[in-house]
Amino acid sequence: MEGNSISNERFISAPPEKIFDILARPSRHHEIDGSGTVRKPSASSPERVKLGDEFRMAMKIGAPYMMVNKVIEFEEGKLIAWQPRAPWIIGNFIGGRIWRYELEPKDGGTLVRETWDISQEKHRKAVDNDIVKTRVTAALESTLKRIEEVVGQSS
């Protein structure tokens, strides 16, 4: 972990637009989630997000829960980031990490970088430890592999 974030990257033999379209659709997130925690977006979530949009995502780590994700960075085909928080008043105390995807066109495909950034995390002690960092590192690698598989299946 470098400072407040952990990143991983992978070259994927697909154009950035194709990868980005999956990232911008909350209904596809369960297909690419390498952590095994993402379930499905609520019915009120947008089909495809843009800057400032919020989408609610059903999650599960042991017990089910819900997170409200706000798209805080967005550059079509290049960059998307969202920041999850717990719903209601509890969101003032839990959440704030950022999931960021940067896509860089390369010959024959795209370099995809996924970053987990805890610089704005509300309850930093809960996530700034070796156990969580190990799980996140593995999930980043798995997510990038799954993105590659999903993009390959939709060719």
C-alpha atoms as a PDB file:
ATOM      1  CA  MET A   1       0.000   0.000   0.000  1.00  0.00           C
ATOM      2  CA  GLU A   2       1.341   3.327  -1.010  1.00  0.00           C
ATOM      3  CA  GLY A   3       0.021   6.000   1.371  1.00  0.00           C
ATOM      4  CA  ASN A   4      -3.745   5.860   1.272  1.00  0.00           C
ATOM      5  CA  SER A   5      -4.268   3.496  -1.622  1.00  0.00           C
ATOM      6  CA  ILE A   6      -3.653   0.114  -3.172  1.00  0.00           C
ATOM      7  CA  SER A   7      -3.623  -0.248  -6.962  1.00  0.00           C
ATOM      8  CA  ASN A   8      -3.301  -3.068  -9.431  1.00  0.00           C
ATOM      9  CA  GLU A   9      -3.279  -3.016 -13.200  1.00  0.00           C
ATOM     10  CA  ARG A  10      -3.781  -5.430 -16.049  1.00  0.00           C
ATOM     11  CA  PHE A  11      -3.523  -5.230 -19.804  1.00  0.00           C
ATOM     12  CA  ILE A  12      -6.799  -6.334 -21.395  1.00  0.00           C
ATOM     13  CA  SER A  13      -7.120  -7.031 -25.111  1.00  0.00           C
ATOM     14  CA  ALA A  14     -10.219  -4.900 -25.619  1.00  0.00           C
ATOM     15  CA  PRO A  15     -10.893  -1.242 -26.397  1.00  0.00           C
ATOM     16  CA  PRO A  16     -11.346   1.082 -23.410  1.00  0.00           C
ATOM     17  CA  GLU A  17     -14.909   1.950 -24.453  1.00  0.00           C
ATOM     18  CA  LYS A  18     -16.006  -1.667 -24.102  1.00  0.00           C
ATOM     19  CA  ILE A  19     -14.452  -2.009 -20.637  1.00  0.00           C
ATOM     20  CA  PHE A  20     -15.755   1.362 -19.505  1.00  0.00           C
ATOM     21  CA  ASP A  21     -19.302   0.484 -20.522  1.00  0.00           C
ATOM     22  CA  ILE A  22     -19.265  -2.446 -18.092  1.00  0.00           C
ATOM     23  CA  LEU A  23     -17.860  -0.280 -15.283  1.00  0.00           C
ATOM     24  CA  ALA A  24     -20.500   2.412 -15.870  1.00  0.00           C
ATOM     25  CA  ARG A  25     -23.372  -0.097 -15.521  1.00  0.00           C
ATOM     26  CA  PRO A  26     -24.056  -1.031 -11.872  1.00  0.00           C
ATOM     27  CA  SER A  27     -26.103  -4.022 -13.070  1.00  0.00           C
ATOM     28  CA  ARG A  28     -22.826  -5.550 -14.356  1.00  0.00           C
ATOM     29  CA  HIS A  29     -20.752  -5.019 -11.194  1.00  0.00           C
ATOM     30  CA  HIS A  30     -21.566  -8.429  -9.690  1.00  0.00           C
ATOM     31  CA  GLU A  31     -20.055 -10.022 -12.822  1.00  0.00           C
ATOM     32  CA  ILE A  32     -16.674  -8.364 -12.303  1.00  0.00           C
ATOM     33  CA  ASP A  33     -16.454  -8.165  -8.510  1.00  0.00           C
ATOM     34  CA  GLY A  34     -13.423 -10.079  -7.335  1.00  0.00           C
ATOM     35  CA  SER A  35     -14.248  -9.720  -3.642  1.00  0.00           C
ATOM     36  CA  GLY A  36     -17.428 -11.798  -3.781  1.00  0.00           C
ATOM     37  CA  THR A  37     -19.362  -9.121  -1.860  1.00  0.00           C
ATOM     38  CA  VAL A  38     -21.334  -7.335  -4.611  1.00  0.00           C
ATOM     39  CA  ARG A  39     -24.867  -8.620  -5.210  1.00  0.00           C
ATOM     40  CA  LYS A  40     -27.133  -6.319  -7.258  1.00  0.00           C
ATOM     41  CA  PRO A  41     -28.142  -2.672  -7.575  1.00  0.00           C
ATOM     42  CA  SER A  42     -31.495  -1.462  -6.327  1.00  0.00           C
ATOM     43  CA  ALA A  43     -34.238  -0.987  -8.902  1.00  0.00           C
ATOM     44  CA  SER A  44     -33.903   2.798  -8.519  1.00  0.00           C
ATOM     45  CA  SER A  45     -30.255   2.773  -9.632  1.00  0.00           C
ATOM     46  CA  PRO A  46     -29.498   4.241 -13.066  1.00  0.00           C
ATOM     47  CA  GLU A  47     -28.862   1.764 -15.884  1.00  0.00           C
ATOM     48  CA  ARG A  48     -25.649   3.623 -16.781  1.00  0.00           C
ATOM     49  CA  VAL A  49     -24.082   6.159 -14.434  1.00  0.00           C
ATOM     50  CA  LYS A  50     -22.516   9.550 -15.032  1.00  0.00           C
ATOM     51  CA  LEU A  51     -20.778  12.086 -12.782  1.00  0.00           C
ATOM     52  CA  GLY A  52     -22.842  12.831  -9.670  1.00  0.00           C
ATOM     53  CA  ASP A  53     -25.154   9.824 -10.001  1.00  0.00           C
ATOM     54  CA  GLU A  54     -25.850   7.601  -7.030  1.00  0.00           C
ATOM     55  CA  PHE A  55     -26.572   3.912  -7.122  1.00  0.00           C
ATOM     56  CA  ARG A  56     -27.483   1.610  -4.247  1.00  0.00           C
ATOM     57  CA  MET A  57     -25.804  -1.770  -4.203  1.00  0.00           C
ATOM     58  CA  ALA A  58     -26.844  -4.831  -2.224  1.00  0.00           C
ATOM     59  CA  MET A  59     -23.739  -6.371  -0.651  1.00  0.00           C
ATOM     60  CA  LYS A  60     -22.909  -9.327   1.548  1.00  0.00           C
ATOM     61  CA  ILE A  61     -20.004 -10.112   3.838  1.00  0.00           C
ATOM     62  CA  GLY A  62     -21.491 -12.697   6.182  1.00  0.00           C
ATOM     63  CA  ALA A  63     -24.732 -10.724   6.472  1.00  0.00           C
ATOM     64  CA  PRO A  64     -26.433  -8.708   3.733  1.00  0.00           C
ATOM     65  CA  TYR A  65     -26.196  -4.924   3.757  1.00  0.00           C
ATOM     66  CA  MET A  66     -26.657  -1.955   1.403  1.00  0.00           C
ATOM     67  CA  MET A  67     -24.225   0.736   0.273  1.00  0.00           C
ATOM     68  CA  VAL A  68     -24.992   4.015  -1.492  1.00  0.00           C
ATOM     69  CA  ASN A  69     -22.341   4.765  -4.124  1.00  0.00           C
ATOM     70  CA  LYS A  70     -21.810   8.237  -5.572  1.00  0.00           C
ATOM     71  CA  VAL A  71     -19.927   8.658  -8.850  1.00  0.00           C
ATOM     72  CA  ILE A  72     -17.298  11.267  -7.979  1.00  0.00           C
ATOM     73  CA  GLU A  73     -14.993  11.051 -11.007  1.00  0.00           C
ATOM     74  CA  PHE A  74     -16.060  10.423 -14.579  1.00  0.00           C
ATOM     75  CA  GLU A  75     -14.384  10.841 -17.918  1.00  0.00           C
ATOM     76  CA  GLU A  76     -16.083   8.764 -20.599  1.00  0.00           C
ATOM     77  CA  GLY A  77     -13.910   5.845 -21.694  1.00  0.00           C
ATOM     78  CA  LYS A  78     -11.020   6.848 -19.399  1.00  0.00           C
ATOM     79  CA  LEU A  79     -11.882   7.269 -15.727  1.00  0.00           C
ATOM     80  CA  ILE A  80     -14.655   6.346 -13.329  1.00  0.00           C
ATOM     81  CA  ALA A  81     -14.678   6.364  -9.537  1.00  0.00           C
ATOM     82  CA  TRP A  82     -17.388   5.934  -6.960  1.00  0.00           C
ATOM     83  CA  GLN A  83     -17.481   6.406  -3.237  1.00  0.00           C
ATOM     84  CA  PRO A  84     -19.632   4.053  -1.158  1.00  0.00           C
ATOM     85  CA  ARG A  85     -21.218   5.041   2.128  1.00  0.00           C
ATOM     86  CA  ALA A  86     -23.667   3.287   4.369  1.00  0.00           C
ATOM     87  CA  PRO A  87     -27.242   4.567   3.898  1.00  0.00           C
ATOM     88  CA  TRP A  88     -29.028   6.914   6.275  1.00  0.00           C
ATOM     89  CA  ILE A  89     -27.324   8.559   9.244  1.00  0.00           C
ATOM     90  CA  ILE A  90     -24.858   5.694   9.639  1.00  0.00           C
ATOM     91  CA  GLY A  91     -23.214   6.924   6.416  1.00  0.00           C
ATOM     92  CA  ASN A  92     -21.738   9.762   8.468  1.00  0.00           C
ATOM     93  CA  PHE A  93     -19.637   7.165  10.272  1.00  0.00           C
ATOM     94  CA  ILE A  94     -19.079   4.287   7.824  1.00  0.00           C
ATOM     95  CA  GLY A  95     -17.736   4.432   4.291  1.00  0.00           C
ATOM     96  CA  GLY A  96     -15.900   6.945   2.199  1.00  0.00           C
ATOM     97  CA  ARG A  97     -13.327   4.744   0.483  1.00  0.00           C
ATOM     98  CA  ILE A  98     -13.050   5.292  -3.247  1.00  0.00           C
ATOM     99  CA  TRP A  99     -13.015   2.659  -5.992  1.00  0.00           C
ATOM    100  CA  ARG A 100     -11.323   4.120  -9.073  1.00  0.00           C
ATOM    101  CA  TYR A 101     -10.768   2.670 -12.551  1.00  0.00           C
ATOM    102  CA  GLU A 102      -8.393   4.314 -15.010  1.00  0.00           C
ATOM    103  CA  LEU A 103      -8.281   3.075 -18.606  1.00  0.00           C
ATOM    104  CA  GLU A 104      -5.326   3.821 -20.854  1.00  0.00           C
ATOM    105  CA  PRO A 105      -5.432   2.783 -24.514  1.00  0.00           C
ATOM    106  CA  LYS A 106      -2.435   0.694 -25.574  1.00  0.00           C
ATOM    107  CA  ASP A 107      -1.610  -1.104 -28.810  1.00  0.00           C
ATOM    108  CA  GLY A 108      -4.048  -3.995 -29.034  1.00  0.00           C
ATOM    109  CA  GLY A 109      -6.036  -3.153 -25.922  1.00  0.00           C
ATOM    110  CA  THR A 110      -6.254  -1.232 -22.681  1.00  0.00           C
ATOM    111  CA  LEU A 111      -4.209  -0.932 -19.518  1.00  0.00           C
ATOM    112  CA  VAL A 112      -6.783  -0.994 -16.702  1.00  0.00           C
ATOM    113  CA  ARG A 113      -5.781   0.282 -13.279  1.00  0.00           C
ATOM    114  CA  GLU A 114      -8.062  -0.282 -10.294  1.00  0.00           C
ATOM    115  CA  THR A 115      -7.394   1.639  -7.090  1.00  0.00           C
ATOM    116  CA  TRP A 116      -8.789   1.320  -3.574  1.00  0.00           C
ATOM    117  CA  ASP A 117      -8.312   4.712  -1.920  1.00  0.00           C
ATOM    118  CA  ILE A 118      -9.026   5.189   1.788  1.00  0.00           C
ATOM    119  CA  SER A 119      -7.966   8.835   2.033  1.00  0.00           C
ATOM    120  CA  GLN A 120     -11.585   9.858   2.772  1.00  0.00           C
ATOM    121  CA  GLU A 121     -12.622   6.796   4.783  1.00  0.00           C
ATOM    122  CA  LYS A 122     -14.805   7.692   7.778  1.00  0.00           C
ATOM    123  CA  HIS A 123     -13.746   4.794  10.016  1.00  0.00           C
ATOM    124  CA  ARG A 124     -10.179   4.362   8.872  1.00  0.00           C
ATOM    125  CA  LYS A 125      -9.131   2.033  11.698  1.00  0.00           C
ATOM    126  CA  ALA A 126     -11.600  -0.555  10.410  1.00  0.00           C
ATOM    127  CA  VAL A 127      -9.895  -0.809   7.014  1.00  0.00           C
ATOM    128  CA  ASP A 128      -6.296   0.311   7.538  1.00  0.00           C
ATOM    129  CA  ASN A 129      -4.878  -3.019   8.696  1.00  0.00           C
ATOM    130  CA  ASP A 130      -2.972  -5.940   7.195  1.00  0.00           C
ATOM    131  CA  ILE A 131      -5.973  -8.302   7.056  1.00  0.00           C
ATOM    132  CA  VAL A 132      -8.099  -5.881   5.015  1.00  0.00           C
ATOM    133  CA  LYS A 133      -5.158  -4.830   2.826  1.00  0.00           C
ATOM    134  CA  THR A 134      -4.407  -8.479   1.984  1.00  0.00           C
ATOM    135  CA  ARG A 135      -8.055  -9.100   1.052  1.00  0.00           C
ATOM    136  CA  VAL A 136      -8.236  -5.919  -1.024  1.00  0.00           C
ATOM    137  CA  THR A 137      -5.022  -6.744  -2.887  1.00  0.00           C
ATOM    138  CA  ALA A 138      -6.394 -10.177  -3.816  1.00  0.00           C
ATOM    139  CA  ALA A 139      -9.788  -8.687  -4.773  1.00  0.00           C
ATOM    140  CA  LEU A 140      -8.178  -6.113  -7.070  1.00  0.00           C
ATOM    141  CA  GLU A 141      -6.286  -8.829  -8.917  1.00  0.00           C
ATOM    142  CA  SER A 142      -9.386 -11.000  -9.156  1.00  0.00           C
ATOM    143  CA  THR A 143     -11.588  -8.115 -10.333  1.00  0.00           C
ATOM    144  CA  LEU A 144      -9.212  -7.210 -13.152  1.00  0.00           C
ATOM    145  CA  LYS A 145      -9.085 -10.850 -14.223  1.00  0.00           C
ATOM    146  CA  ARG A 146     -12.892 -11.018 -14.171  1.00  0.00           C
ATOM    147  CA  ILE A 147     -13.174  -7.818 -16.217  1.00  0.00           C
ATOM    148  CA  GLU A 148     -10.945  -9.450 -18.820  1.00  0.00           C
ATOM    149  CA  GLU A 149     -13.111 -12.585 -18.822  1.00  0.00           C
ATOM    150  CA  VAL A 150     -16.413 -10.680 -19.048  1.00  0.00           C
ATOM    151  CA  VAL A 151     -15.151  -8.441 -21.849  1.00  0.00           C
ATOM    152  CA  GLY A 152     -13.928 -11.549 -23.702  1.00  0.00           C
ATOM    153  CA  GLN A 153     -17.320 -13.228 -23.343  1.00  0.00           C
ATOM    154  CA  SER A 154     -19.158 -10.250 -24.790  1.00  0.00           C
ATOM    155  CA  SER A 155     -16.976 -10.100 -27.921  1.00  0.00           C
END
